[in-house]
Amino acid sequence: MSLMLLQLSYAVLGGIMNIMSLLHYRNTARYYTPTGPVSGLMMMAMYALCVPLQRLEWQLPFQVMMVIFVVLLGAGGVLKHLVHRPTTDYASATARWAAIMINGYGVALSVYALAGN
């Protein structure tokens, strides 16, 4: 599978998680995670829009955006959920770990893309 498809799969997974969080909120008045799903959806959309830059051979804009995403996703999508207390801000432990794993997947793919692979 190409790196571009893997990166797009991350955006789709993240989008699904955020849509599920919105639907969960309708039923329980509580999001899956403390991160607002609308901002999460916007982040996934921006990520998905930047992924084709590499295929278009716009290397510098692609690399700059991947560095930004590594920082934002690493800090806000992985570390924030790892160290966030209280864990009662999450709908469940599964929701917390799903956010960590999905964003960790995105960070790993972005770092791999920056490595020139």
N, C-alpha and C. Protein backbone atom coordinates (compact mmCIF):
# COMPACT_ATOMS: atom_id res chain seq x y z
N MET A 1 0.86 -1.18 0.00
CA MET A 1 0.00 0.00 0.00
C MET A 1 0.89 1.23 0.00
N SER A 2 0.52 2.23 -0.76
CA SER A 2 1.37 3.42 -0.85
C SER A 2 1.25 4.27 0.41
N LEU A 3 2.29 5.03 0.66
CA LEU A 3 2.31 5.91 1.83
C LEU A 3 1.14 6.89 1.79
N MET A 4 0.83 7.40 0.61
CA MET A 4 -0.28 8.34 0.50
C MET A 4 -1.60 7.71 0.95
N LEU A 5 -1.83 6.46 0.56
CA LEU A 5 -3.06 5.78 0.99
C LEU A 5 -3.07 5.53 2.49
N LEU A 6 -1.92 5.20 3.04
CA LEU A 6 -1.85 5.01 4.50
C LEU A 6 -2.14 6.32 5.22
N GLN A 7 -1.59 7.42 4.71
CA GLN A 7 -1.85 8.72 5.33
C GLN A 7 -3.33 9.09 5.22
N LEU A 8 -3.92 8.81 4.08
CA LEU A 8 -5.35 9.09 3.93
C LEU A 8 -6.18 8.19 4.83
N SER A 9 -5.71 6.96 5.06
CA SER A 9 -6.43 6.08 5.98
C SER A 9 -6.42 6.65 7.39
N TYR A 10 -5.32 7.31 7.77
CA TYR A 10 -5.28 7.98 9.07
C TYR A 10 -6.33 9.07 9.15
N ALA A 11 -6.42 9.90 8.10
CA ALA A 11 -7.41 10.98 8.10
C ALA A 11 -8.83 10.43 8.18
N VAL A 12 -9.07 9.31 7.49
CA VAL A 12 -10.40 8.68 7.54
C VAL A 12 -10.68 8.13 8.94
N LEU A 13 -9.70 7.43 9.53
CA LEU A 13 -9.88 6.90 10.90
C LEU A 13 -10.15 8.01 11.89
N GLY A 14 -9.35 9.08 11.79
CA GLY A 14 -9.56 10.22 12.69
C GLY A 14 -10.92 10.86 12.48
N GLY A 15 -11.32 10.97 11.21
CA GLY A 15 -12.64 11.53 10.91
C GLY A 15 -13.76 10.68 11.48
N ILE A 16 -13.64 9.37 11.33
CA ILE A 16 -14.65 8.46 11.88
C ILE A 16 -14.74 8.59 13.39
N MET A 17 -13.60 8.65 14.04
CA MET A 17 -13.58 8.79 15.51
C MET A 17 -14.30 10.08 15.93
N ASN A 18 -14.04 11.16 15.21
CA ASN A 18 -14.67 12.44 15.56
C ASN A 18 -16.16 12.45 15.25
N ILE A 19 -16.57 11.83 14.16
CA ILE A 19 -18.00 11.73 13.85
C ILE A 19 -18.70 10.87 14.91
N MET A 20 -18.07 9.78 15.30
CA MET A 20 -18.64 8.93 16.34
C MET A 20 -18.76 9.70 17.66
N SER A 21 -17.79 10.56 17.94
CA SER A 21 -17.84 11.38 19.15
C SER A 21 -19.03 12.34 19.10
N LEU A 22 -19.27 12.94 17.93
CA LEU A 22 -20.44 13.82 17.78
C LEU A 22 -21.75 13.06 17.98
N LEU A 23 -21.83 11.87 17.42
CA LEU A 23 -23.03 11.05 17.59
C LEU A 23 -23.21 10.62 19.05
N HIS A 24 -22.11 10.28 19.70
CA HIS A 24 -22.15 9.91 21.11
C HIS A 24 -22.66 11.09 21.94
N TYR A 25 -22.23 12.29 21.58
CA TYR A 25 -22.66 13.49 22.30
C TYR A 25 -24.17 13.68 22.19
N ARG A 26 -24.74 13.37 21.04
CA ARG A 26 -26.19 13.49 20.86
C ARG A 26 -26.95 12.63 21.86
N ASN A 27 -26.40 11.47 22.16
CA ASN A 27 -27.09 10.53 23.06
C ASN A 27 -26.76 10.73 24.53
N THR A 28 -25.56 11.23 24.81
CA THR A 28 -25.11 11.27 26.21
C THR A 28 -24.70 12.66 26.70
N ALA A 29 -24.68 13.65 25.80
CA ALA A 29 -24.20 15.00 26.12
C ALA A 29 -22.74 14.98 26.58
N ARG A 30 -21.99 14.03 26.04
CA ARG A 30 -20.57 13.88 26.39
C ARG A 30 -19.79 13.40 25.16
N TYR A 31 -18.68 14.09 24.87
CA TYR A 31 -17.82 13.67 23.76
C TYR A 31 -16.95 12.51 24.21
N TYR A 32 -16.38 11.79 23.24
CA TYR A 32 -15.47 10.70 23.57
C TYR A 32 -14.25 11.21 24.33
N THR A 33 -13.69 12.34 23.88
CA THR A 33 -12.47 12.88 24.48
C THR A 33 -12.67 14.37 24.77
N PRO A 34 -11.78 14.97 25.56
CA PRO A 34 -11.88 16.41 25.83
C PRO A 34 -11.65 17.26 24.58
N THR A 35 -11.04 16.71 23.55
CA THR A 35 -10.83 17.45 22.31
C THR A 35 -12.15 17.56 21.57
N GLY A 36 -12.50 18.76 21.17
CA GLY A 36 -13.73 18.96 20.43
C GLY A 36 -13.70 18.25 19.09
N PRO A 37 -14.73 17.47 18.76
CA PRO A 37 -14.73 16.72 17.51
C PRO A 37 -14.77 17.60 16.26
N VAL A 38 -15.34 18.79 16.36
CA VAL A 38 -15.37 19.66 15.18
C VAL A 38 -13.95 20.11 14.84
N SER A 39 -13.16 20.48 15.84
CA SER A 39 -11.77 20.85 15.57
C SER A 39 -10.97 19.64 15.11
N GLY A 40 -11.30 18.46 15.62
CA GLY A 40 -10.65 17.24 15.17
C GLY A 40 -10.96 16.94 13.71
N LEU A 41 -12.22 17.15 13.32
CA LEU A 41 -12.60 16.94 11.92
C LEU A 41 -11.88 17.93 11.00
N MET A 42 -11.75 19.16 11.45
CA MET A 42 -11.04 20.16 10.65
C MET A 42 -9.58 19.78 10.49
N MET A 43 -8.96 19.26 11.55
CA MET A 43 -7.57 18.84 11.48
C MET A 43 -7.40 17.67 10.50
N MET A 44 -8.33 16.71 10.55
CA MET A 44 -8.26 15.57 9.63
C MET A 44 -8.43 16.03 8.18
N ALA A 45 -9.33 16.99 7.96
CA ALA A 45 -9.54 17.51 6.60
C ALA A 45 -8.29 18.22 6.10
N MET A 46 -7.66 19.03 6.96
CA MET A 46 -6.44 19.72 6.55
C MET A 46 -5.33 18.72 6.25
N TYR A 47 -5.22 17.69 7.08
CA TYR A 47 -4.20 16.67 6.85
C TYR A 47 -4.43 16.00 5.50
N ALA A 48 -5.68 15.60 5.24
CA ALA A 48 -6.00 14.93 3.98
C ALA A 48 -5.72 15.82 2.77
N LEU A 49 -5.93 17.11 2.92
CA LEU A 49 -5.65 18.04 1.81
C LEU A 49 -4.16 18.22 1.57
N CYS A 50 -3.34 18.04 2.59
CA CYS A 50 -1.89 18.21 2.44
C CYS A 50 -1.20 16.97 1.90
N VAL A 51 -1.78 15.81 2.10
CA VAL A 51 -1.15 14.55 1.69
C VAL A 51 -0.81 14.52 0.19
N PRO A 52 -1.71 14.97 -0.71
CA PRO A 52 -1.38 14.91 -2.15
C PRO A 52 -0.24 15.85 -2.58
N LEU A 53 0.17 16.77 -1.73
CA LEU A 53 1.25 17.68 -2.11
C LEU A 53 2.52 16.93 -2.51
N GLN A 54 2.80 15.82 -1.83
CA GLN A 54 3.99 15.04 -2.16
C GLN A 54 3.86 14.41 -3.54
N ARG A 55 2.68 13.90 -3.84
CA ARG A 55 2.46 13.29 -5.16
C ARG A 55 2.57 14.34 -6.26
N LEU A 56 2.20 15.59 -5.93
CA LEU A 56 2.31 16.68 -6.90
C LEU A 56 3.73 17.23 -6.99
N GLU A 57 4.63 16.63 -6.21
CA GLU A 57 6.03 17.00 -6.16
C GLU A 57 6.26 18.41 -5.61
N TRP A 58 5.40 18.83 -4.73
CA TRP A 58 5.57 20.08 -4.00
C TRP A 58 6.21 19.73 -2.65
N GLN A 59 7.48 19.36 -2.71
CA GLN A 59 8.16 18.80 -1.55
C GLN A 59 8.25 19.75 -0.37
N LEU A 60 8.67 20.99 -0.60
CA LEU A 60 8.84 21.92 0.52
C LEU A 60 7.53 22.19 1.25
N PRO A 61 6.44 22.54 0.55
CA PRO A 61 5.18 22.72 1.28
C PRO A 61 4.73 21.45 2.00
N PHE A 62 4.92 20.30 1.36
CA PHE A 62 4.55 19.04 1.99
C PHE A 62 5.36 18.82 3.27
N GLN A 63 6.67 19.02 3.20
CA GLN A 63 7.52 18.80 4.36
C GLN A 63 7.20 19.78 5.48
N VAL A 64 6.95 21.03 5.15
CA VAL A 64 6.60 22.03 6.17
C VAL A 64 5.30 21.62 6.86
N MET A 65 4.31 21.21 6.07
CA MET A 65 3.03 20.81 6.66
C MET A 65 3.17 19.54 7.50
N MET A 66 3.98 18.60 7.07
CA MET A 66 4.16 17.37 7.86
C MET A 66 4.85 17.68 9.19
N VAL A 67 5.82 18.59 9.19
CA VAL A 67 6.46 18.99 10.45
C VAL A 67 5.42 19.61 11.37
N ILE A 68 4.58 20.49 10.83
CA ILE A 68 3.54 21.11 11.65
C ILE A 68 2.60 20.05 12.20
N PHE A 69 2.20 19.10 11.36
CA PHE A 69 1.31 18.04 11.84
C PHE A 69 1.97 17.14 12.87
N VAL A 70 3.24 16.84 12.71
CA VAL A 70 3.94 16.03 13.71
C VAL A 70 3.90 16.72 15.07
N VAL A 71 4.16 18.01 15.07
CA VAL A 71 4.14 18.77 16.33
C VAL A 71 2.73 18.82 16.91
N LEU A 72 1.75 19.20 16.08
CA LEU A 72 0.37 19.32 16.57
C LEU A 72 -0.21 17.99 17.00
N LEU A 73 -0.03 16.97 16.19
CA LEU A 73 -0.58 15.65 16.52
C LEU A 73 0.17 14.99 17.67
N GLY A 74 1.48 15.20 17.69
CA GLY A 74 2.28 14.62 18.78
C GLY A 74 1.93 15.24 20.11
N ALA A 75 1.82 16.57 20.13
CA ALA A 75 1.51 17.26 21.39
C ALA A 75 0.04 17.17 21.75
N GLY A 76 -0.82 17.49 20.79
CA GLY A 76 -2.25 17.56 21.08
C GLY A 76 -3.01 16.27 20.93
N GLY A 77 -2.49 15.37 20.12
CA GLY A 77 -3.22 14.14 19.86
C GLY A 77 -2.69 12.93 20.58
N VAL A 78 -1.43 12.98 20.99
CA VAL A 78 -0.84 11.82 21.68
C VAL A 78 -0.49 12.20 23.12
N LEU A 79 0.44 13.13 23.28
CA LEU A 79 0.88 13.48 24.63
C LEU A 79 -0.25 14.02 25.50
N LYS A 80 -1.10 14.86 24.93
CA LYS A 80 -2.22 15.42 25.70
C LYS A 80 -3.09 14.31 26.28
N HIS A 81 -3.37 13.30 25.47
CA HIS A 81 -4.22 12.21 25.94
C HIS A 81 -3.47 11.27 26.89
N LEU A 82 -2.16 11.16 26.73
CA LEU A 82 -1.39 10.31 27.64
C LEU A 82 -1.30 10.89 29.04
N VAL A 83 -1.14 12.20 29.13
CA VAL A 83 -0.93 12.82 30.44
C VAL A 83 -2.17 13.49 31.00
N HIS A 84 -3.25 13.51 30.23
CA HIS A 84 -4.46 14.22 30.67
C HIS A 84 -5.06 13.59 31.91
N ARG A 85 -5.30 14.43 32.87
CA ARG A 85 -6.01 14.03 34.07
C ARG A 85 -7.12 15.02 34.29
N PRO A 86 -8.26 14.67 34.71
CA PRO A 86 -8.67 13.32 35.07
C PRO A 86 -9.11 12.53 33.85
N THR A 87 -8.98 11.24 33.97
CA THR A 87 -9.40 10.38 32.87
C THR A 87 -10.92 10.31 32.77
N THR A 88 -11.61 10.87 33.74
CA THR A 88 -13.08 10.90 33.69
C THR A 88 -13.58 11.87 32.62
N ASP A 89 -12.67 12.66 32.03
CA ASP A 89 -13.05 13.55 30.93
C ASP A 89 -13.27 12.77 29.64
N TYR A 90 -12.99 11.48 29.65
CA TYR A 90 -13.16 10.62 28.48
C TYR A 90 -14.42 9.78 28.66
N ALA A 91 -15.07 9.46 27.55
CA ALA A 91 -16.27 8.63 27.62
C ALA A 91 -15.94 7.24 28.17
N SER A 92 -14.71 6.77 27.87
CA SER A 92 -14.27 5.46 28.37
C SER A 92 -12.76 5.38 28.19
N ALA A 93 -12.17 4.38 28.83
CA ALA A 93 -10.73 4.14 28.63
C ALA A 93 -10.47 3.76 27.18
N THR A 94 -11.40 3.06 26.57
CA THR A 94 -11.24 2.68 25.16
C THR A 94 -11.19 3.91 24.27
N ALA A 95 -12.03 4.89 24.53
CA ALA A 95 -12.03 6.13 23.73
C ALA A 95 -10.70 6.85 23.89
N ARG A 96 -10.19 6.89 25.10
CA ARG A 96 -8.90 7.55 25.36
C ARG A 96 -7.78 6.86 24.58
N TRP A 97 -7.71 5.54 24.69
CA TRP A 97 -6.63 4.80 24.02
C TRP A 97 -6.81 4.79 22.50
N ALA A 98 -8.04 4.83 22.03
CA ALA A 98 -8.28 4.92 20.59
C ALA A 98 -7.73 6.25 20.06
N ALA A 99 -7.96 7.34 20.79
CA ALA A 99 -7.42 8.64 20.38
C ALA A 99 -5.90 8.61 20.34
N ILE A 100 -5.29 8.01 21.35
CA ILE A 100 -3.83 7.92 21.41
C ILE A 100 -3.30 7.08 20.24
N MET A 101 -3.90 5.95 19.99
CA MET A 101 -3.42 5.05 18.94
C MET A 101 -3.63 5.64 17.54
N ILE A 102 -4.79 6.22 17.29
CA ILE A 102 -5.06 6.80 15.97
C ILE A 102 -4.09 7.95 15.70
N ASN A 103 -3.91 8.83 16.67
CA ASN A 103 -3.00 9.96 16.46
C ASN A 103 -1.54 9.51 16.43
N GLY A 104 -1.20 8.48 17.18
CA GLY A 104 0.15 7.93 17.12
C GLY A 104 0.43 7.37 15.73
N TYR A 105 -0.56 6.74 15.14
CA TYR A 105 -0.47 6.24 13.76
C TYR A 105 -0.20 7.40 12.80
N GLY A 106 -0.92 8.50 12.98
CA GLY A 106 -0.71 9.67 12.13
C GLY A 106 0.66 10.28 12.29
N VAL A 107 1.14 10.36 13.53
CA VAL A 107 2.48 10.90 13.78
C VAL A 107 3.53 10.00 13.13
N ALA A 108 3.40 8.69 13.31
CA ALA A 108 4.38 7.75 12.74
C ALA A 108 4.40 7.86 11.21
N LEU A 109 3.25 7.94 10.59
CA LEU A 109 3.19 8.08 9.13
C LEU A 109 3.81 9.39 8.66
N SER A 110 3.56 10.45 9.40
CA SER A 110 4.09 11.76 9.03
C SER A 110 5.61 11.79 9.17
N VAL A 111 6.13 11.19 10.22
CA VAL A 111 7.59 11.12 10.39
C VAL A 111 8.20 10.27 9.28
N TYR A 112 7.55 9.17 8.96
CA TYR A 112 8.02 8.31 7.87
C TYR A 112 8.03 9.07 6.55
N ALA A 113 7.00 9.84 6.29
CA ALA A 113 6.94 10.64 5.07
C ALA A 113 8.05 11.68 5.04
N LEU A 114 8.34 12.28 6.19
CA LEU A 114 9.42 13.27 6.26
C LEU A 114 10.79 12.64 6.02
N ALA A 115 10.92 11.38 6.35
CA ALA A 115 12.18 10.68 6.16
C ALA A 115 12.47 10.43 4.67
N GLY A 116 11.50 10.77 3.83
CA GLY A 116 11.70 10.65 2.40
C GLY A 116 11.33 9.32 1.81
N ASN A 117 10.54 8.55 2.52
CA ASN A 117 10.14 7.23 2.03
C ASN A 117 8.84 7.28 1.28
